[in-house]
Amino acid sequence: MPRLMLTDTRWLKLLQVMKNTGRIYNKPEHRMTFEGILYRLRTGIPWRDLPTEFGGWSTIYRRFNLWSKKGLLNRLFNELAKLSDYDWVFADGSIVKAHQHSTGEATSDNECIGKSRGGNSTKIHLAVDSGGLPIYFELSEGQRNDITRAQSLVDHLREVNIFVGDKGYDNDMLREYIEAKGGASVIPKRNHGQDIDKNSIDWCLYKYRHLVENAFARIKHYLAISTRYEKLARNYVSMVSLAFSMMWLPMYC
């Protein structure tokens, strides 16, 4: 039997949250289907290579795709993230290599896959709370600058208190936007040849920005996250949501 990831207590918590969305019924086979999706998340193998102990690979993939269409896994993450502590919010972006099999989807959209000298890639823009737990994320093409999604990250915060980012968020309009929402920013300025007041930000707080880097490191232990195999941005978002949900689950049980 392949290694499983969920205890009975944690599965019951996940099932309760999913049932409360009104999008699924309590079917006995849901647990092994969920474990099959987690196995694929962890290993990054093709769906066809899933061990038969989880059930038929086609059934598991079709259910994952259906749950993705319904936004079920995204809502699961959002429900678990309601315990977020908004005193400090740390933001950053991380580039993920897109596998060659993830390209070529027959849609008019680029599915958040960008092309550069480094090849095909996707970027995850993430905000984490004071404890380093994920609050909100979104995708873009890999070559997009962090600042392009900064206001969107701020808009999706329930509270705006202190927003901490690296020099990729150095933008006076962003600072003013955060202040207009009643918050403060801790963002160092780039050195463009002019004198910079090194005491202009709280460097002690800035050192805790590693919390967002730690969050990226944790989800990239999952091979289906560290390399993007999903053709549809919607399905990759669901995989990332599932990875972040697994970070939140120990906070509940």
Protein backbone atom coordinates (compact mmCIF):
# COMPACT_ATOMS: atom_id res chain seq x y z
CA MET A 1 0.00 0.00 0.00
CA PRO A 2 1.46 3.42 -0.92
CA ARG A 3 2.19 5.85 1.88
CA LEU A 4 -0.84 7.97 2.85
CA MET A 5 -0.75 11.57 4.06
CA LEU A 6 -3.93 12.01 6.09
CA THR A 7 -4.85 10.79 9.55
CA ASP A 8 -8.51 10.04 10.28
CA THR A 9 -8.84 13.29 12.23
CA ARG A 10 -7.39 15.42 9.47
CA TRP A 11 -9.50 13.75 6.80
CA LEU A 12 -12.66 14.40 8.81
CA LYS A 13 -11.67 18.07 9.07
CA LEU A 14 -11.12 18.35 5.32
CA LEU A 15 -14.34 16.48 4.59
CA GLN A 16 -16.30 18.77 6.90
CA VAL A 17 -14.97 21.88 5.16
CA MET A 18 -15.65 20.47 1.69
CA LYS A 19 -19.17 19.39 2.60
CA ASN A 20 -19.91 22.86 3.99
CA THR A 21 -19.26 24.30 0.53
CA GLY A 22 -22.30 22.42 -0.76
CA ARG A 23 -20.25 21.21 -3.75
CA ILE A 24 -19.79 17.52 -2.80
CA TYR A 25 -21.63 14.71 -1.07
CA ASN A 26 -20.16 12.42 1.57
CA LYS A 27 -19.14 9.42 -0.52
CA PRO A 28 -16.92 6.70 0.99
CA GLU A 29 -14.58 6.68 -2.02
CA HIS A 30 -13.73 10.38 -1.61
CA ARG A 31 -10.99 9.66 0.91
CA MET A 32 -8.92 7.40 -1.35
CA THR A 33 -9.54 9.75 -4.26
CA PHE A 34 -8.19 12.61 -2.15
CA GLU A 35 -5.21 10.50 -1.10
CA GLY A 36 -4.57 9.72 -4.77
CA ILE A 37 -4.53 13.43 -5.60
CA LEU A 38 -2.14 14.04 -2.68
CA TYR A 39 0.10 11.21 -3.91
CA ARG A 40 0.27 12.82 -7.31
CA LEU A 41 0.92 16.22 -5.68
CA ARG A 42 3.81 14.74 -3.71
CA THR A 43 5.43 12.71 -6.51
CA GLY A 44 4.54 14.65 -9.68
CA ILE A 45 4.02 11.40 -11.64
CA PRO A 46 1.67 11.22 -14.64
CA TRP A 47 -1.93 10.57 -13.67
CA ARG A 48 -1.84 7.28 -15.57
CA ASP A 49 0.90 6.00 -13.26
CA LEU A 50 -1.09 6.38 -10.03
CA PRO A 51 -1.07 3.17 -7.95
CA THR A 52 -4.26 1.16 -8.35
CA GLU A 53 -4.75 1.10 -4.56
CA PHE A 54 -6.20 4.62 -4.86
CA GLY A 55 -8.65 3.55 -7.53
CA GLY A 56 -8.71 4.00 -11.28
CA TRP A 57 -6.42 6.82 -12.43
CA SER A 58 -9.07 8.13 -14.82
CA THR A 59 -11.63 8.37 -12.02
CA ILE A 60 -9.20 10.24 -9.78
CA TYR A 61 -8.17 12.66 -12.51
CA ARG A 62 -11.76 13.34 -13.61
CA ARG A 63 -12.77 14.03 -10.01
CA PHE A 64 -9.78 16.33 -9.51
CA ASN A 65 -10.66 18.17 -12.71
CA LEU A 66 -14.30 18.47 -11.60
CA TRP A 67 -13.31 19.76 -8.16
CA SER A 68 -10.98 22.21 -9.88
CA LYS A 69 -13.79 23.48 -12.12
CA LYS A 70 -15.99 23.97 -9.06
CA GLY A 71 -13.19 25.79 -7.23
CA LEU A 72 -13.49 23.31 -4.38
CA LEU A 73 -9.79 23.06 -3.53
CA ASN A 74 -9.42 26.85 -3.67
CA ARG A 75 -12.32 27.24 -1.26
CA LEU A 76 -10.79 24.59 0.98
CA PHE A 77 -7.60 26.66 1.25
CA ASN A 78 -9.54 29.90 1.79
CA GLU A 79 -11.58 28.35 4.60
CA LEU A 80 -8.53 27.00 6.39
CA ALA A 81 -6.72 30.35 5.98
CA LYS A 82 -9.41 32.22 7.93
CA LEU A 83 -7.22 31.85 11.05
CA SER A 84 -4.57 34.12 9.50
CA ASP A 85 -2.85 36.70 11.71
CA TYR A 86 -2.71 40.00 9.78
CA ASP A 87 -0.41 41.98 12.09
CA TRP A 88 2.46 41.49 9.65
CA VAL A 89 2.09 40.35 6.05
CA PHE A 90 5.09 39.22 4.00
CA ALA A 91 4.93 39.10 0.21
CA ASP A 92 7.14 37.70 -2.53
CA GLY A 93 7.07 35.87 -5.84
CA SER A 94 8.70 32.60 -6.87
CA ILE A 95 9.29 31.26 -10.37
CA VAL A 96 8.35 27.67 -11.21
CA LYS A 97 9.67 25.84 -14.25
CA ALA A 98 6.87 24.74 -16.59
CA HIS A 99 7.39 21.25 -17.99
CA GLN A 100 7.14 20.91 -21.77
CA HIS A 101 3.98 18.80 -21.33
CA SER A 102 2.24 21.73 -19.60
CA THR A 103 2.34 23.84 -22.77
CA GLY A 104 0.24 23.68 -25.90
CA GLU A 105 -3.21 23.87 -24.32
CA ALA A 106 -5.81 24.62 -26.99
CA THR A 107 -7.07 27.84 -25.43
CA SER A 108 -6.74 31.49 -26.45
CA ASP A 109 -5.16 32.25 -23.05
CA ASN A 110 -1.48 31.67 -22.21
CA GLU A 111 -2.55 29.86 -18.99
CA CYS A 112 0.01 31.89 -16.99
CA ILE A 113 2.95 30.32 -18.79
CA GLY A 114 5.54 32.85 -19.93
CA LYS A 115 8.43 32.45 -22.33
CA SER A 116 11.90 33.85 -21.68
CA ARG A 117 15.53 32.92 -22.20
CA GLY A 118 15.16 30.58 -19.23
CA GLY A 119 12.35 28.69 -20.94
CA ASN A 120 8.68 28.30 -20.04
CA SER A 121 7.80 29.32 -16.49
CA THR A 122 5.04 30.43 -14.13
CA LYS A 123 5.34 32.73 -11.14
CA ILE A 124 3.48 32.30 -7.84
CA HIS A 125 2.77 35.61 -6.07
CA LEU A 126 2.19 34.94 -2.37
CA ALA A 127 1.28 36.76 0.84
CA VAL A 128 1.83 35.03 4.20
CA ASP A 129 0.77 36.05 7.68
CA SER A 130 2.78 36.78 10.84
CA GLY A 131 3.38 33.07 11.40
CA GLY A 132 4.47 32.37 7.83
CA LEU A 133 1.20 30.68 6.85
CA PRO A 134 -0.26 31.46 3.41
CA ILE A 135 -3.10 33.98 3.13
CA TYR A 136 -3.55 34.52 -0.59
CA PHE A 137 -1.75 33.77 -3.84
CA GLU A 138 -2.18 34.18 -7.56
CA LEU A 139 -0.32 33.19 -10.71
CA SER A 140 1.28 35.11 -13.55
CA GLU A 141 3.71 34.44 -16.37
CA GLY A 142 7.19 33.74 -15.05
CA GLN A 143 8.76 36.92 -16.44
CA ARG A 144 6.32 39.28 -14.70
CA ASN A 145 7.75 41.57 -12.02
CA ASP A 146 6.53 41.17 -8.45
CA ILE A 147 5.19 44.72 -8.42
CA THR A 148 2.60 43.91 -11.11
CA ARG A 149 0.56 41.85 -8.62
CA ALA A 150 1.37 43.77 -5.45
CA GLN A 151 -1.86 45.82 -5.29
CA SER A 152 -3.89 42.69 -5.92
CA LEU A 153 -2.20 40.98 -2.96
CA VAL A 154 -3.04 43.99 -0.77
CA ASP A 155 -6.65 44.06 -2.00
CA HIS A 156 -7.19 40.44 -0.93
CA LEU A 157 -6.08 41.02 2.66
CA ARG A 158 -8.82 41.15 5.26
CA GLU A 159 -6.75 43.71 7.19
CA VAL A 160 -3.87 45.92 6.06
CA ASN A 161 -1.48 46.62 8.92
CA ILE A 162 2.21 46.17 8.01
CA PHE A 163 3.14 44.98 4.52
CA VAL A 164 6.72 43.69 4.17
CA GLY A 165 8.38 43.11 0.81
CA ASP A 166 11.81 43.14 -0.82
CA LYS A 167 13.15 45.63 -3.36
CA GLY A 168 10.96 44.08 -6.03
CA TYR A 169 8.08 46.01 -4.39
CA ASP A 170 9.94 49.32 -4.32
CA ASN A 171 7.28 51.64 -5.71
CA ASP A 172 5.99 54.89 -4.23
CA MET A 173 2.50 54.30 -5.64
CA LEU A 174 2.33 50.99 -3.78
CA ARG A 175 3.45 52.63 -0.53
CA GLU A 176 0.77 55.31 -0.93
CA TYR A 177 -1.83 52.64 -1.75
CA ILE A 178 -1.02 50.74 1.45
CA GLU A 179 -1.14 53.95 3.50
CA ALA A 180 -4.52 54.85 1.96
CA LYS A 181 -5.83 51.54 3.32
CA GLY A 182 -4.58 52.38 6.80
CA GLY A 183 -1.43 50.29 6.74
CA ALA A 184 2.33 50.80 6.70
CA SER A 185 4.97 49.36 4.41
CA VAL A 186 8.43 47.96 5.12
CA ILE A 187 10.04 47.95 1.67
CA PRO A 188 13.69 48.90 1.09
CA LYS A 189 14.55 51.29 -1.72
CA ARG A 190 16.73 50.40 -4.67
CA ASN A 191 20.06 52.15 -4.95
CA HIS A 192 19.95 54.16 -8.16
CA GLY A 193 23.08 56.16 -7.34
CA GLN A 194 21.42 58.52 -4.89
CA ASP A 195 21.91 58.61 -1.13
CA ILE A 196 19.45 56.34 0.72
CA ASP A 197 18.48 56.72 4.34
CA LYS A 198 19.31 53.28 5.71
CA ASN A 199 17.19 53.96 8.79
CA SER A 200 14.06 54.61 6.74
CA ILE A 201 12.62 51.12 7.38
CA ASP A 202 12.42 48.67 10.25
CA TRP A 203 15.29 46.31 9.41
CA CYS A 204 14.58 44.14 12.43
CA LEU A 205 11.10 43.36 11.08
CA TYR A 206 12.45 43.02 7.54
CA LYS A 207 14.63 40.11 8.68
CA TYR A 208 11.46 38.07 9.23
CA ARG A 209 10.75 38.22 5.50
CA HIS A 210 12.31 34.78 5.34
CA LEU A 211 8.89 33.47 6.42
CA VAL A 212 7.52 33.86 2.91
CA GLU A 213 10.62 32.19 1.49
CA ASN A 214 10.08 29.32 3.92
CA ALA A 215 6.51 28.91 2.66
CA PHE A 216 7.75 28.55 -0.92
CA ALA A 217 10.39 26.06 0.22
CA ARG A 218 7.75 23.95 1.96
CA ILE A 219 5.36 23.65 -0.96
CA LYS A 220 8.21 23.00 -3.41
CA HIS A 221 8.87 19.76 -1.57
CA TYR A 222 5.86 18.61 -3.59
CA LEU A 223 7.17 17.72 -7.05
CA ALA A 224 3.91 18.69 -8.77
CA ILE A 225 4.48 22.24 -7.43
CA SER A 226 8.22 22.66 -7.95
CA THR A 227 7.66 21.78 -11.61
CA ARG A 228 4.40 22.69 -13.28
CA TYR A 229 2.86 19.80 -15.21
CA GLU A 230 -0.71 21.11 -15.46
CA LYS A 231 -1.74 22.58 -18.80
CA LEU A 232 -4.57 24.66 -17.31
CA ALA A 233 -3.76 27.49 -14.91
CA ARG A 234 -6.98 26.58 -13.10
CA ASN A 235 -5.69 23.08 -12.33
CA TYR A 236 -2.26 24.31 -11.23
CA VAL A 237 -3.96 26.84 -8.92
CA SER A 238 -5.91 23.92 -7.42
CA MET A 239 -2.68 21.99 -6.84
CA VAL A 240 -1.03 24.99 -5.16
CA SER A 241 -4.17 25.53 -3.05
CA LEU A 242 -4.00 21.91 -1.94
CA ALA A 243 -0.32 22.28 -0.98
CA PHE A 244 -1.10 25.40 1.07
CA SER A 245 -4.05 23.61 2.69
CA MET A 246 -1.66 20.93 3.90
CA MET A 247 0.38 23.68 5.57
CA TRP A 248 -2.70 24.91 7.40
CA LEU A 249 -4.08 21.54 8.45
CA PRO A 250 -1.80 21.03 11.51
CA MET A 251 -3.19 24.29 12.94
CA TYR A 252 -6.56 22.56 13.30
CA CYS A 253 -5.73 18.99 14.25
